[in-house]
N, C-alpha and C. Protein backbone atom coordinates (compact mmCIF):
# COMPACT_ATOMS: atom_id res chain seq x y z
N MET A 1 -121.08 29.99 221.64
CA MET A 1 -122.02 29.01 222.10
C MET A 1 -122.10 29.08 223.62
N GLU A 2 -123.31 29.10 224.12
CA GLU A 2 -123.48 29.17 225.57
C GLU A 2 -124.58 28.21 226.00
N ALA A 3 -124.23 27.35 226.96
CA ALA A 3 -125.20 26.43 227.54
C ALA A 3 -125.58 26.93 228.93
N THR A 4 -126.86 26.81 229.26
CA THR A 4 -127.34 27.16 230.59
C THR A 4 -128.30 26.07 231.06
N ILE A 5 -128.43 25.97 232.38
CA ILE A 5 -129.37 25.03 232.99
C ILE A 5 -130.20 25.79 234.00
N ASP A 6 -131.52 25.60 233.91
CA ASP A 6 -132.42 26.16 234.92
C ASP A 6 -132.42 25.17 236.09
N ARG A 7 -131.54 25.43 237.03
CA ARG A 7 -131.35 24.49 238.15
C ARG A 7 -132.60 24.36 239.01
N SER A 8 -133.50 25.35 238.97
CA SER A 8 -134.71 25.24 239.78
C SER A 8 -135.62 24.12 239.28
N GLY A 9 -135.45 23.71 238.03
CA GLY A 9 -136.26 22.64 237.49
C GLY A 9 -135.51 21.32 237.31
N CYS A 10 -134.21 21.34 237.58
CA CYS A 10 -133.38 20.14 237.41
C CYS A 10 -133.79 19.07 238.41
N ILE A 11 -133.88 17.83 237.94
CA ILE A 11 -134.21 16.71 238.82
C ILE A 11 -132.99 15.84 239.12
N GLY A 12 -131.82 16.21 238.59
CA GLY A 12 -130.59 15.50 238.89
C GLY A 12 -130.53 14.09 238.36
N CYS A 13 -131.15 13.85 237.22
CA CYS A 13 -131.19 12.49 236.67
C CYS A 13 -129.86 12.04 236.09
N GLY A 14 -129.04 12.98 235.67
CA GLY A 14 -127.73 12.65 235.11
C GLY A 14 -127.72 12.39 233.62
N ALA A 15 -128.84 12.55 232.95
CA ALA A 15 -128.88 12.29 231.50
C ALA A 15 -127.94 13.22 230.75
N CYS A 16 -127.86 14.46 231.16
CA CYS A 16 -126.98 15.42 230.47
C CYS A 16 -125.51 15.03 230.65
N GLU A 17 -125.14 14.66 231.86
CA GLU A 17 -123.75 14.27 232.12
C GLU A 17 -123.40 13.00 231.35
N ALA A 18 -124.34 12.07 231.25
CA ALA A 18 -124.09 10.84 230.50
C ALA A 18 -123.89 11.12 229.02
N ALA A 19 -124.66 12.06 228.48
CA ALA A 19 -124.57 12.38 227.06
C ALA A 19 -123.37 13.25 226.72
N CYS A 20 -122.98 14.14 227.64
CA CYS A 20 -121.90 15.10 227.35
C CYS A 20 -121.16 15.48 228.63
N PRO A 21 -120.32 14.58 229.13
CA PRO A 21 -119.59 14.87 230.37
C PRO A 21 -118.55 15.99 230.24
N GLU A 22 -118.21 16.35 229.00
CA GLU A 22 -117.28 17.47 228.80
C GLU A 22 -117.91 18.81 229.17
N VAL A 23 -119.24 18.88 229.10
CA VAL A 23 -119.94 20.15 229.33
C VAL A 23 -120.75 20.13 230.63
N PHE A 24 -121.39 19.00 230.94
CA PHE A 24 -122.30 18.94 232.08
C PHE A 24 -121.79 18.02 233.18
N GLU A 25 -122.16 18.35 234.41
CA GLU A 25 -121.77 17.54 235.56
C GLU A 25 -122.83 17.69 236.64
N ILE A 26 -122.95 16.68 237.49
CA ILE A 26 -123.85 16.73 238.64
C ILE A 26 -123.02 17.17 239.85
N ASP A 27 -123.51 18.16 240.59
CA ASP A 27 -122.76 18.68 241.74
C ASP A 27 -123.10 17.92 243.02
N GLY A 28 -122.52 18.34 244.12
CA GLY A 28 -122.73 17.71 245.41
C GLY A 28 -124.15 17.79 245.92
N GLU A 29 -124.94 18.71 245.38
CA GLU A 29 -126.34 18.85 245.75
C GLU A 29 -127.24 17.95 244.89
N GLY A 30 -126.64 17.25 243.93
CA GLY A 30 -127.41 16.38 243.06
C GLY A 30 -128.05 17.07 241.88
N LEU A 31 -127.59 18.28 241.56
CA LEU A 31 -128.14 19.04 240.44
C LEU A 31 -127.08 19.23 239.35
N ALA A 32 -127.53 19.32 238.13
CA ALA A 32 -126.63 19.52 237.01
C ALA A 32 -126.15 20.96 236.95
N PHE A 33 -124.93 21.12 236.43
CA PHE A 33 -124.41 22.45 236.16
C PHE A 33 -123.53 22.38 234.92
N VAL A 34 -123.28 23.54 234.31
CA VAL A 34 -122.42 23.63 233.14
C VAL A 34 -121.00 23.82 233.65
N LYS A 35 -120.14 22.82 233.43
CA LYS A 35 -118.77 22.92 233.91
C LYS A 35 -117.84 23.54 232.87
N ALA A 36 -118.24 23.50 231.60
CA ALA A 36 -117.47 24.13 230.52
C ALA A 36 -118.44 24.40 229.38
N GLN A 37 -118.29 25.53 228.74
CA GLN A 37 -119.18 25.86 227.62
C GLN A 37 -118.88 24.96 226.43
N PRO A 38 -119.90 24.67 225.63
CA PRO A 38 -119.70 23.83 224.45
C PRO A 38 -118.71 24.47 223.47
N THR A 39 -117.95 23.64 222.84
CA THR A 39 -117.04 24.06 221.78
C THR A 39 -117.54 23.45 220.48
N ALA A 40 -116.89 23.76 219.40
CA ALA A 40 -117.28 23.16 218.12
C ALA A 40 -117.24 21.64 218.21
N GLU A 41 -116.28 21.11 218.96
CA GLU A 41 -116.12 19.66 219.09
C GLU A 41 -117.19 19.03 219.98
N THR A 42 -117.71 19.76 220.95
CA THR A 42 -118.66 19.18 221.90
C THR A 42 -120.11 19.63 221.68
N LEU A 43 -120.33 20.48 220.71
CA LEU A 43 -121.67 21.04 220.50
C LEU A 43 -122.72 19.98 220.19
N ASP A 44 -122.40 19.03 219.33
CA ASP A 44 -123.39 18.00 219.00
C ASP A 44 -123.77 17.18 220.23
N ALA A 45 -122.79 16.81 221.05
CA ALA A 45 -123.07 16.05 222.27
C ALA A 45 -123.86 16.89 223.26
N ALA A 46 -123.55 18.19 223.35
CA ALA A 46 -124.28 19.08 224.25
C ALA A 46 -125.74 19.19 223.80
N LYS A 47 -125.97 19.26 222.50
CA LYS A 47 -127.34 19.32 221.99
C LYS A 47 -128.07 18.00 222.25
N GLU A 48 -127.35 16.89 222.15
CA GLU A 48 -127.94 15.59 222.48
C GLU A 48 -128.35 15.57 223.96
N ALA A 49 -127.51 16.13 224.82
CA ALA A 49 -127.83 16.22 226.25
C ALA A 49 -129.08 17.06 226.46
N ARG A 50 -129.14 18.19 225.78
CA ARG A 50 -130.33 19.05 225.87
C ARG A 50 -131.58 18.30 225.45
N ASP A 51 -131.48 17.59 224.34
CA ASP A 51 -132.64 16.88 223.81
C ASP A 51 -133.05 15.68 224.67
N SER A 52 -132.11 15.13 225.43
CA SER A 52 -132.42 13.97 226.27
C SER A 52 -132.87 14.37 227.67
N CYS A 53 -132.83 15.65 227.99
CA CYS A 53 -133.24 16.11 229.32
C CYS A 53 -134.74 15.89 229.49
N PRO A 54 -135.15 15.08 230.48
CA PRO A 54 -136.58 14.78 230.63
C PRO A 54 -137.42 15.96 231.12
N VAL A 55 -136.78 16.99 231.67
CA VAL A 55 -137.53 18.14 232.17
C VAL A 55 -137.23 19.43 231.38
N SER A 56 -136.48 19.30 230.29
CA SER A 56 -136.20 20.41 229.36
C SER A 56 -135.68 21.68 230.03
N VAL A 57 -134.65 21.53 230.87
CA VAL A 57 -134.10 22.69 231.56
C VAL A 57 -132.78 23.19 230.96
N ILE A 58 -132.34 22.57 229.89
CA ILE A 58 -131.07 22.95 229.25
C ILE A 58 -131.36 23.81 228.03
N SER A 59 -130.65 24.93 227.93
CA SER A 59 -130.72 25.81 226.77
C SER A 59 -129.33 25.93 226.17
N ILE A 60 -129.26 25.97 224.87
CA ILE A 60 -127.98 26.17 224.18
C ILE A 60 -128.19 27.24 223.12
N GLU A 61 -127.45 28.31 223.23
CA GLU A 61 -127.47 29.40 222.24
C GLU A 61 -126.29 29.21 221.30
N ASP A 62 -126.56 29.13 220.01
CA ASP A 62 -125.47 28.98 219.02
C ASP A 62 -124.78 30.30 218.78
């Protein structure tokens, strides 16, 4: 499983970090990044984060 974020389109809203802080975090520039790849335990939350992203910049490959 691999999560990626198109940081060029990220608006730094924090929705992904709120939904799945184990995988996503906001950096010092105010943009989201993948701090750890999803695991079997965090995959559902990571997908929820992807689905809640208002600008659809999160991709998750199973």
